[in-house]
Amino acid sequence: MNYRKLIKGVIYGQKDNNLTAFALLAGLAAGAAIAVLLAPRSGRESRLLLAKTFNPSKEQGHHQELKDQLLDDLRETNREHADQLQGPENKRKDTTKIRVPSAGTTAWKKQAVKE
């Protein structure tokens, strides 16, 4: 087998790949430069147009109404779930009457351990 031809083929093959990658990058750079030079609008106008296209909620009040309605629905659902977690109303404890023995100390921990 002729290794010299094999090695030359590998070396030249890599050079072709490098040349292809360089040509691709050069073409992208040239295309970007031409696009900037021949753009129909200024940069500020283009950014405003893109902002209006991708963020229409600034111009439409409908989205704000929908957002408010969804938030109200979410709050109501959370209230219902909280009521379900507390159990039936006749078995709920009155949180205003709960006593914490010796608040600020660890006496209540010692009492809980004894029980």
Protein backbone atom coordinates (compact mmCIF):
# COMPACT_ATOMS: atom_id res chain seq x y z
CA MET A 1 0.00 0.00 0.00
CA ASN A 2 1.22 3.48 -0.86
CA TYR A 3 1.15 5.47 2.38
CA ARG A 4 2.50 8.56 0.72
CA LYS A 5 -0.66 8.92 -1.41
CA LEU A 6 -2.85 8.22 1.60
CA ILE A 7 -1.13 10.88 3.69
CA LYS A 8 -1.30 13.43 0.86
CA GLY A 9 -4.99 12.69 0.42
CA VAL A 10 -5.65 13.29 4.11
CA ILE A 11 -3.62 16.52 4.16
CA TYR A 12 -5.19 17.91 1.01
CA GLY A 13 -8.65 16.84 2.17
CA GLN A 14 -8.24 18.86 5.37
CA LYS A 15 -7.10 21.89 3.45
CA ASP A 16 -10.24 21.70 1.33
CA ASN A 17 -12.39 21.61 4.46
CA ASN A 18 -10.55 24.60 5.91
CA LEU A 19 -10.98 26.48 2.65
CA THR A 20 -14.70 25.69 2.63
CA ALA A 21 -15.14 26.93 6.22
CA PHE A 22 -13.21 30.12 5.40
CA ALA A 23 -15.32 30.73 2.29
CA LEU A 24 -18.50 30.24 4.32
CA LEU A 25 -17.44 32.76 6.97
CA ALA A 26 -16.30 35.27 4.34
CA GLY A 27 -19.65 34.95 2.57
CA LEU A 28 -21.57 35.50 5.81
CA ALA A 29 -19.51 38.60 6.60
CA ALA A 30 -20.00 40.01 3.10
CA GLY A 31 -23.74 39.36 3.24
CA ALA A 32 -24.06 41.07 6.62
CA ALA A 33 -22.15 44.11 5.36
CA ILE A 34 -24.32 44.40 2.24
CA ALA A 35 -27.50 44.01 4.33
CA VAL A 36 -26.44 46.84 6.66
CA LEU A 37 -25.51 49.15 3.79
CA LEU A 38 -28.68 48.55 1.77
CA ALA A 39 -31.24 48.37 4.60
CA PRO A 40 -34.50 50.23 3.71
CA ARG A 41 -34.90 51.69 7.24
CA SER A 42 -32.63 53.15 9.86
CA GLY A 43 -31.61 51.05 12.84
CA ARG A 44 -33.98 52.87 15.21
CA GLU A 45 -36.95 52.37 12.87
CA SER A 46 -36.13 48.69 12.42
CA ARG A 47 -35.91 48.13 16.19
CA LEU A 48 -39.26 49.89 16.76
CA LEU A 49 -40.89 47.80 14.05
CA LEU A 50 -39.53 44.60 15.59
CA ALA A 51 -40.67 45.68 19.06
CA LYS A 52 -44.20 46.34 17.81
CA THR A 53 -44.27 43.05 15.93
CA PHE A 54 -43.11 40.85 18.79
CA ASN A 55 -44.70 42.78 21.70
CA PRO A 56 -48.19 43.88 20.61
CA SER A 57 -49.47 44.13 24.22
CA LYS A 58 -48.29 47.76 24.43
CA GLU A 59 -50.80 48.78 21.77
CA GLN A 60 -53.68 46.50 22.71
CA GLY A 61 -55.55 46.84 26.00
CA HIS A 62 -57.16 43.43 25.45
CA HIS A 63 -54.05 41.66 26.68
CA GLN A 64 -54.10 43.58 29.97
CA GLU A 65 -57.76 42.66 30.52
CA LEU A 66 -57.00 39.02 29.82
CA LYS A 67 -54.02 39.13 32.20
CA ASP A 68 -56.16 40.65 34.98
CA GLN A 69 -58.86 38.03 34.45
CA LEU A 70 -56.34 35.19 34.59
CA LEU A 71 -54.82 36.59 37.81
CA ASP A 72 -58.27 36.83 39.41
CA ASP A 73 -59.03 33.24 38.42
CA LEU A 74 -55.69 32.11 39.86
CA ARG A 75 -56.33 33.91 43.15
CA GLU A 76 -59.81 32.38 43.45
CA THR A 77 -58.45 28.90 42.75
CA ASN A 78 -55.75 29.36 45.39
CA ARG A 79 -58.34 30.49 47.95
CA GLU A 80 -60.45 27.41 47.22
CA HIS A 81 -57.46 25.10 47.64
CA ALA A 82 -56.47 26.81 50.89
CA ASP A 83 -60.01 26.31 52.24
CA GLN A 84 -59.87 22.63 51.28
CA LEU A 85 -56.53 22.20 53.06
CA GLN A 86 -57.91 23.71 56.27
CA GLY A 87 -60.66 21.13 56.41
CA PRO A 88 -64.33 21.59 57.28
CA GLU A 89 -65.25 24.90 58.93
CA ASN A 90 -66.64 23.28 62.08
CA LYS A 91 -63.29 21.54 62.79
CA ARG A 92 -60.99 24.50 62.11
CA LYS A 93 -59.09 26.10 64.96
CA ASP A 94 -59.47 29.78 65.63
CA THR A 95 -56.01 31.16 64.96
CA THR A 96 -56.65 34.19 67.17
CA LYS A 97 -56.98 31.94 70.23
CA ILE A 98 -53.86 29.83 69.76
CA ARG A 99 -51.47 30.30 72.69
CA VAL A 100 -47.73 30.08 72.44
CA PRO A 101 -46.29 29.37 75.89
CA SER A 102 -43.43 31.62 76.86
CA ALA A 103 -42.88 33.17 73.47
CA GLY A 104 -39.26 34.00 72.85
CA THR A 105 -37.84 31.21 74.99
CA THR A 106 -37.33 27.51 74.53
CA ALA A 107 -39.61 26.50 77.40
CA TRP A 108 -42.26 25.29 74.99
CA LYS A 109 -39.74 22.89 73.40
CA LYS A 110 -38.98 21.34 76.79
CA GLN A 111 -42.68 20.98 77.45
CA ALA A 112 -43.24 19.24 74.10
CA VAL A 113 -40.42 16.78 74.79
CA LYS A 114 -41.91 15.80 78.20
CA GLU A 115 -45.29 15.03 76.67
